[in-house]
């Protein structure tokens, strides 16, 4: 499967980064759901690695937080101990982000210096990962900044952008890992099957973006019922708002965004198992492809069940965090299916 030693070493390095990105997704979800994301009101990439070290510094950080709308309108009852709790999650989230930068940059310099990056394609891919990671860091602060002046929460579009960049970083790393561990020539033909997977990937990306919009608008708290939204399949309030505000409600009005998110999820829960089961049955000789299809099939059913639990539990943190993580894992499983359909190699069958 791996003939050149450099593939294994670079692959292990990237897998470490992959795990850290997924950890970042989990901690980011907890940070958002505990309303901790605005607790640190400055962006100091270097000096910010040190948390408050004494009571005076803690009070200074708390006083800075007291100046923003979230404290004045939402957390006005907070004590210093309450503030320390939300500060912890945002600080941890930022520290993992900084760790990711080091985990990618330092080994990259080492592999470059020792000439273990053998191909121009791999070199460009690694630079892309570094660039996307840097952009993700800036997007995180761009998101936080939106909640420091007039709003009591971050802008939902910026949250969706932050989540989408995380998906871009994750998928680029993962695709590179697949190329390192399962190098193979492209498969000609089978365009029909490939197009079906491409549509699935596009729909899952759209669903994850809508997940970000749902989270940013706190739309999960609206209509915490299933399968209907309240007593209706299509709430009349959406139609009334549509007549007043136009098509933008599908991106900016919480009930309409939840409607799209829940029914797009239902559509995926129906078509993903159908497509993946068909691939599983037809790919009798490719064990890696069959395994990826089966994992994706199980994940989409698990993910849909979690989505229902998030709704009826009124966005209980545990369910919501696992739901967010599972969305990324589902995307990676379908991406794996796509990779093995693009590439055929008998070594996969061993």
Protein backbone atom coordinates (compact mmCIF):
# COMPACT_ATOMS: atom_id res chain seq x y z
CA UNK A 1 0.00 0.00 0.00
CA UNK A 2 2.86 2.43 0.85
CA UNK A 3 6.10 1.96 -1.02
CA UNK A 4 7.95 5.15 -0.09
CA UNK A 5 8.79 5.72 3.62
CA UNK A 6 8.15 9.48 3.34
CA UNK A 7 4.47 8.79 2.67
CA UNK A 8 4.03 7.11 6.05
CA UNK A 9 5.79 9.83 8.06
CA UNK A 10 3.96 12.69 6.36
CA UNK A 11 0.70 10.75 6.56
CA UNK A 12 1.05 10.22 10.33
CA UNK A 13 1.82 13.92 10.76
CA UNK A 14 -1.32 14.89 8.83
CA UNK A 15 -3.47 12.39 10.75
CA UNK A 16 -2.32 14.05 13.97
CA UNK A 17 -3.46 17.38 12.55
CA UNK A 18 -6.74 15.78 11.45
CA UNK A 19 -7.47 14.62 15.01
CA UNK A 20 -6.68 18.10 16.33
CA UNK A 21 -9.05 19.72 13.82
CA UNK A 22 -11.84 17.35 14.90
CA UNK A 23 -11.04 18.18 18.53
CA UNK A 24 -11.28 21.84 17.57
CA UNK A 25 -14.73 21.18 16.10
CA UNK A 26 -15.89 19.59 19.36
CA UNK A 27 -14.47 22.34 21.59
CA UNK A 28 -15.83 24.97 19.22
CA UNK A 29 -19.30 23.47 19.59
CA UNK A 30 -19.05 23.48 23.38
CA UNK A 31 -17.76 27.07 23.31
CA UNK A 32 -20.73 28.19 21.23
CA UNK A 33 -23.34 26.28 23.21
CA UNK A 34 -22.05 27.51 26.58
CA UNK A 35 -22.07 31.11 25.24
CA UNK A 36 -18.34 31.34 25.89
CA UNK A 37 -17.15 32.62 22.53
CA UNK A 38 -17.20 36.32 23.39
CA UNK A 39 -15.51 36.00 26.78
CA UNK A 40 -12.10 37.04 25.40
CA UNK A 41 -12.60 40.41 23.74
CA UNK A 42 -9.10 40.86 22.31
CA UNK A 43 -7.09 38.96 19.73
CA UNK A 44 -3.46 38.56 20.76
CA UNK A 45 -1.95 35.63 18.82
CA UNK A 46 1.34 35.70 20.80
CA UNK A 47 0.72 37.24 24.23
CA UNK A 48 -2.73 35.66 24.36
CA UNK A 49 -1.21 32.27 25.14
CA UNK A 50 -1.08 33.30 28.79
CA UNK A 51 -4.38 33.33 30.71
CA UNK A 52 -4.94 35.73 33.63
CA UNK A 53 -2.38 34.75 36.29
CA UNK A 54 -3.81 36.46 39.38
CA UNK A 55 -7.03 37.99 40.70
CA UNK A 56 -6.13 41.46 39.41
CA UNK A 57 -5.67 40.15 35.85
CA UNK A 58 -8.88 38.13 36.10
CA UNK A 59 -10.76 41.24 37.19
CA UNK A 60 -9.24 43.21 34.31
CA UNK A 61 -10.39 40.56 31.80
CA UNK A 62 -13.84 40.51 33.41
CA UNK A 63 -14.09 44.31 33.27
CA UNK A 64 -13.28 44.20 29.54
CA UNK A 65 -16.05 41.63 29.04
CA UNK A 66 -18.48 43.89 30.93
CA UNK A 67 -18.14 46.48 28.15
CA UNK A 68 -19.74 44.34 25.42
CA UNK A 69 -23.49 43.95 24.77
CA UNK A 70 -23.57 40.24 25.69
CA UNK A 71 -22.70 41.01 29.29
CA UNK A 72 -24.96 44.06 29.53
CA UNK A 73 -28.05 42.34 28.08
CA UNK A 74 -27.56 38.62 28.73
CA UNK A 75 -24.91 37.89 31.38
CA UNK A 76 -25.40 40.97 33.56
CA UNK A 77 -25.80 38.72 36.62
CA UNK A 78 -22.40 37.03 36.15
CA UNK A 79 -19.93 36.87 38.99
CA UNK A 80 -16.19 36.56 38.46
CA UNK A 81 -16.45 32.78 38.92
CA UNK A 82 -19.14 32.58 36.24
CA UNK A 83 -16.87 34.52 33.92
CA UNK A 84 -13.96 32.16 34.62
CA UNK A 85 -16.09 29.23 33.47
CA UNK A 86 -16.90 30.69 30.05
CA UNK A 87 -13.36 32.08 29.70
CA UNK A 88 -12.00 28.53 30.06
CA UNK A 89 -13.80 27.19 26.97
CA UNK A 90 -12.86 30.11 24.71
CA UNK A 91 -9.26 30.03 25.96
CA UNK A 92 -9.06 26.26 25.33
CA UNK A 93 -10.52 26.74 21.85
CA UNK A 94 -7.93 29.38 20.97
CA UNK A 95 -5.06 27.35 22.45
CA UNK A 96 -5.96 24.32 20.35
CA UNK A 97 -6.00 26.63 17.33
CA UNK A 98 -2.51 27.86 18.19
CA UNK A 99 -1.36 24.27 18.73
CA UNK A 100 -2.68 23.38 15.29
CA UNK A 101 -0.56 26.12 13.78
CA UNK A 102 2.57 24.71 15.43
CA UNK A 103 1.67 21.09 14.63
CA UNK A 104 1.44 21.97 10.94
CA UNK A 105 4.16 24.58 10.56
CA UNK A 106 7.10 23.03 12.46
CA UNK A 107 6.93 19.54 10.85
CA UNK A 108 6.36 21.22 7.47
CA UNK A 109 9.66 23.08 7.85
CA UNK A 110 11.36 19.84 8.95
CA UNK A 111 10.04 17.83 6.00
CA UNK A 112 10.97 20.66 3.65
CA UNK A 113 14.48 20.90 5.10
CA UNK A 114 15.06 17.13 4.93
CA UNK A 115 13.64 17.01 1.38
CA UNK A 116 10.97 14.45 2.28
CA UNK A 117 8.31 16.34 0.35
CA UNK A 118 9.03 14.54 -2.88
CA UNK A 119 6.50 15.95 -5.32
CA UNK A 120 5.40 19.42 -6.33
CA UNK A 121 1.77 18.32 -6.01
CA UNK A 122 2.28 17.32 -2.37
CA UNK A 123 4.18 20.52 -1.64
CA UNK A 124 1.36 22.66 -3.06
CA UNK A 125 -1.21 20.66 -1.12
CA UNK A 126 0.65 21.21 2.15
CA UNK A 127 0.90 24.94 1.41
CA UNK A 128 -2.84 24.95 0.76
CA UNK A 129 -3.48 23.33 4.14
CA UNK A 130 -1.27 25.91 5.86
CA UNK A 131 -3.00 28.73 4.01
CA UNK A 132 -6.50 27.47 4.84
CA UNK A 133 -5.50 27.01 8.48
CA UNK A 134 -4.22 30.58 8.67
CA UNK A 135 -7.39 31.87 7.01
CA UNK A 136 -9.44 29.88 9.52
CA UNK A 137 -7.67 31.65 12.39
CA UNK A 138 -8.48 35.06 10.93
CA UNK A 139 -12.08 33.97 10.27
CA UNK A 140 -12.42 32.97 13.92
CA UNK A 141 -11.53 36.46 15.08
CA UNK A 142 -13.65 38.01 12.31
CA UNK A 143 -16.56 36.00 13.72
CA UNK A 144 -15.91 36.97 17.36
CA UNK A 145 -15.50 40.63 16.40
CA UNK A 146 -19.08 40.72 15.08
CA UNK A 147 -20.41 40.18 18.60
CA UNK A 148 -18.42 42.85 20.41
CA UNK A 149 -20.15 46.10 19.43
CA UNK A 150 -23.92 45.92 18.88
CA UNK A 151 -24.88 42.23 18.90
CA UNK A 152 -25.20 39.86 21.86
CA UNK A 153 -23.97 36.95 19.73
CA UNK A 154 -21.80 36.45 16.67
CA UNK A 155 -23.09 37.02 13.15
CA UNK A 156 -24.60 33.79 11.79
CA UNK A 157 -22.99 34.27 8.36
CA UNK A 158 -19.57 34.60 9.95
CA UNK A 159 -20.21 31.50 12.05
CA UNK A 160 -21.17 29.57 8.92
CA UNK A 161 -17.98 30.85 7.21
CA UNK A 162 -15.89 29.73 10.19
CA UNK A 163 -17.48 26.27 10.09
CA UNK A 164 -17.12 26.02 6.30
CA UNK A 165 -13.40 26.82 6.50
CA UNK A 166 -13.00 24.14 9.18
CA UNK A 167 -14.62 21.70 6.75
CA UNK A 168 -12.27 22.87 3.97
CA UNK A 169 -9.20 22.36 6.16
CA UNK A 170 -10.41 18.96 7.32
CA UNK A 171 -11.31 17.67 3.86
CA UNK A 172 -8.03 18.88 2.31
CA UNK A 173 -5.99 17.14 5.01
CA UNK A 174 -8.08 13.99 4.73
CA UNK A 175 -7.86 13.82 0.92
CA UNK A 176 -4.09 14.24 1.16
CA UNK A 177 -3.90 11.41 3.71
CA UNK A 178 -5.87 9.16 1.35
CA UNK A 179 -3.48 9.98 -1.50
CA UNK A 180 -0.49 9.21 0.70
CA UNK A 181 -1.74 5.89 2.04
CA UNK A 182 -3.69 4.73 -1.01
CA UNK A 183 -1.84 6.05 -4.09
CA UNK A 184 -3.47 4.88 -7.30
CA UNK A 185 -4.18 6.02 -10.85
CA UNK A 186 -7.50 7.60 -11.71
CA UNK A 187 -10.30 5.32 -12.77
CA UNK A 188 -11.76 5.98 -16.21
CA UNK A 189 -15.47 5.59 -16.77
CA UNK A 190 -18.26 5.08 -14.18
CA UNK A 191 -19.25 8.71 -14.56
CA UNK A 192 -22.83 8.01 -13.51
CA UNK A 193 -21.78 6.68 -10.12
CA UNK A 194 -19.29 9.48 -9.62
CA UNK A 195 -21.88 12.14 -10.38
CA UNK A 196 -24.21 10.68 -7.76
CA UNK A 197 -21.48 10.93 -5.12
CA UNK A 198 -20.61 14.46 -6.21
CA UNK A 199 -24.24 15.48 -5.69
CA UNK A 200 -24.21 13.87 -2.25
CA UNK A 201 -21.04 15.74 -1.31
CA UNK A 202 -22.56 19.03 -2.49
CA UNK A 203 -25.75 18.42 -0.49
CA UNK A 204 -23.82 17.51 2.65
CA UNK A 205 -21.73 20.68 2.33
CA UNK A 206 -24.94 22.70 1.95
CA UNK A 207 -26.40 20.96 5.00
CA UNK A 208 -23.30 21.74 7.08
CA UNK A 209 -23.49 25.39 6.00
CA UNK A 210 -27.14 25.44 7.04
CA UNK A 211 -26.07 23.84 10.30
CA UNK A 212 -23.83 26.87 10.85
CA UNK A 213 -26.68 29.25 9.99
CA UNK A 214 -28.99 27.32 12.32
CA UNK A 215 -26.47 27.55 15.15
CA UNK A 216 -25.79 31.24 14.55
CA UNK A 217 -29.50 32.13 14.54
CA UNK A 218 -30.21 29.73 17.44
CA UNK A 219 -32.86 28.27 15.14
CA UNK A 220 -32.62 24.89 16.86
CA UNK A 221 -34.61 26.32 19.77
CA UNK A 222 -37.52 27.20 17.46
CA UNK A 223 -40.17 24.47 17.08
CA UNK A 224 -38.50 21.80 19.27
CA UNK A 225 -40.89 19.15 17.96
CA UNK A 226 -40.65 16.26 15.51
CA UNK A 227 -41.68 15.43 12.82
CA UNK A 228 -43.92 18.52 12.62
CA UNK A 229 -42.85 22.07 13.39
CA UNK A 230 -45.29 22.71 16.19
CA UNK A 231 -48.64 21.57 14.84
CA UNK A 232 -47.78 22.24 11.19
CA UNK A 233 -45.65 20.57 8.54
CA UNK A 234 -45.05 24.04 7.09
CA UNK A 235 -45.52 26.80 9.70
CA UNK A 236 -47.75 29.64 8.37
CA UNK A 237 -45.43 32.18 10.01
CA UNK A 238 -42.78 31.37 7.38
CA UNK A 239 -45.18 32.19 4.56
CA UNK A 240 -46.22 35.45 6.24
CA UNK A 241 -42.61 36.49 6.75
CA UNK A 242 -41.77 35.50 3.17
CA UNK A 243 -44.44 37.88 1.84
CA UNK A 244 -42.96 40.74 3.89
CA UNK A 245 -39.21 40.14 3.66
CA UNK A 246 -38.70 38.10 0.50
CA UNK A 247 -36.36 35.21 -0.24
CA UNK A 248 -33.66 36.29 2.22
CA UNK A 249 -35.68 34.70 5.02
CA UNK A 250 -34.34 31.30 3.88
CA UNK A 251 -30.95 32.45 5.14
CA UNK A 252 -31.77 34.94 7.90
CA UNK A 253 -35.08 33.98 9.56
CA UNK A 254 -34.73 31.30 12.24
CA UNK A 255 -37.93 29.26 11.54
CA UNK A 256 -37.22 29.23 7.79
CA UNK A 257 -33.59 28.22 8.33
CA UNK A 258 -34.66 25.41 10.66
CA UNK A 259 -37.21 24.28 8.05
CA UNK A 260 -34.49 24.01 5.39
CA UNK A 261 -32.04 22.32 7.75
CA UNK A 262 -34.45 19.69 9.03
CA UNK A 263 -35.91 18.76 5.64
CA UNK A 264 -32.59 18.81 3.83
CA UNK A 265 -31.43 16.45 6.58
CA UNK A 266 -34.45 14.24 5.93
CA UNK A 267 -33.69 14.21 2.21
CA UNK A 268 -30.09 13.16 2.93
CA UNK A 269 -31.29 10.47 5.33
CA UNK A 270 -33.25 8.98 2.44
CA UNK A 271 -30.89 9.30 -0.51
CA UNK A 272 -27.49 8.74 1.14
CA UNK A 273 -28.36 5.19 2.32
CA UNK A 274 -29.89 4.42 -1.08
CA UNK A 275 -26.79 5.53 -3.01
CA UNK A 276 -24.25 4.04 -0.59
CA UNK A 277 -26.07 0.71 -0.32
CA UNK A 278 -26.13 0.48 -4.11
CA UNK A 279 -22.38 1.15 -4.20
CA UNK A 280 -21.80 -1.39 -1.43
CA UNK A 281 -23.65 -4.12 -3.31
CA UNK A 282 -21.97 -3.43 -6.66
CA UNK A 283 -18.40 -3.14 -5.34
CA UNK A 284 -17.95 -6.76 -4.31
CA UNK A 285 -14.21 -6.87 -5.06
CA UNK A 286 -13.16 -3.57 -3.51
CA UNK A 287 -13.18 -4.07 0.25
CA UNK A 288 -12.04 -0.53 1.07
CA UNK A 289 -14.86 0.99 -0.97
CA UNK A 290 -17.43 -1.36 0.56
CA UNK A 291 -16.20 -0.55 4.06
CA UNK A 292 -16.37 3.21 3.44
CA UNK A 293 -19.88 2.92 1.97
CA UNK A 294 -21.09 0.90 4.95
CA UNK A 295 -19.61 3.36 7.45
CA UNK A 296 -21.25 6.27 5.61
CA UNK A 297 -24.58 4.47 5.57
CA UNK A 298 -24.48 3.90 9.33
CA UNK A 299 -23.28 7.45 10.02
CA UNK A 300 -26.10 9.14 8.11
CA UNK A 301 -28.73 7.21 10.08
CA UNK A 302 -26.91 8.00 13.33
CA UNK A 303 -26.62 11.65 12.34
CA UNK A 304 -30.30 11.98 11.52
CA UNK A 305 -31.26 10.41 14.84
CA UNK A 306 -28.98 12.86 16.63
CA UNK A 307 -30.59 15.75 14.78
CA UNK A 308 -34.00 14.68 16.09
CA UNK A 309 -32.59 14.39 19.61
CA UNK A 310 -31.08 17.88 19.37
CA UNK A 311 -34.51 19.27 18.47
CA UNK A 312 -36.66 17.52 21.05
CA UNK A 313 -34.10 18.04 23.83
CA UNK A 314 -34.09 21.79 23.10
CA UNK A 315 -30.46 21.72 21.98
CA UNK A 316 -28.96 19.78 24.85
CA UNK A 317 -25.20 20.38 24.69
CA UNK A 318 -24.16 16.73 24.54
CA UNK A 319 -26.45 15.89 21.63
CA UNK A 320 -25.62 19.10 19.77
CA UNK A 321 -21.83 18.66 20.02
CA UNK A 322 -21.96 15.03 18.87
CA UNK A 323 -24.34 16.05 16.07
CA UNK A 324 -21.82 18.62 14.83
CA UNK A 325 -18.92 16.17 15.01
CA UNK A 326 -20.91 13.44 13.26
CA UNK A 327 -21.72 15.80 10.38
CA UNK A 328 -18.00 16.19 9.67
CA UNK A 329 -17.40 12.44 10.02
CA UNK A 330 -20.26 11.70 7.62
CA UNK A 331 -18.77 14.11 5.10
CA UNK A 332 -15.36 12.39 5.39
CA UNK A 333 -16.93 8.95 4.93
CA UNK A 334 -18.68 10.02 1.70
CA UNK A 335 -15.47 11.71 0.57
CA UNK A 336 -13.70 8.37 1.13
CA UNK A 337 -16.27 6.60 -1.04
CA UNK A 338 -15.68 9.19 -3.74
CA UNK A 339 -11.92 8.74 -3.51
CA UNK A 340 -12.08 4.96 -3.89
CA UNK A 341 -14.49 5.27 -6.78
CA UNK A 342 -12.10 7.68 -8.50
CA UNK A 343 -9.14 5.38 -7.90
CA UNK A 344 -8.95 1.66 -8.36
CA UNK A 345 -6.05 -0.40 -7.09
CA UNK A 346 -5.95 -4.08 -6.23
CA UNK A 347 -3.90 -3.31 -3.17
CA UNK A 348 -7.13 -2.03 -1.56
CA UNK A 349 -8.55 -5.51 -1.68
CA UNK A 350 -5.90 -7.04 0.57
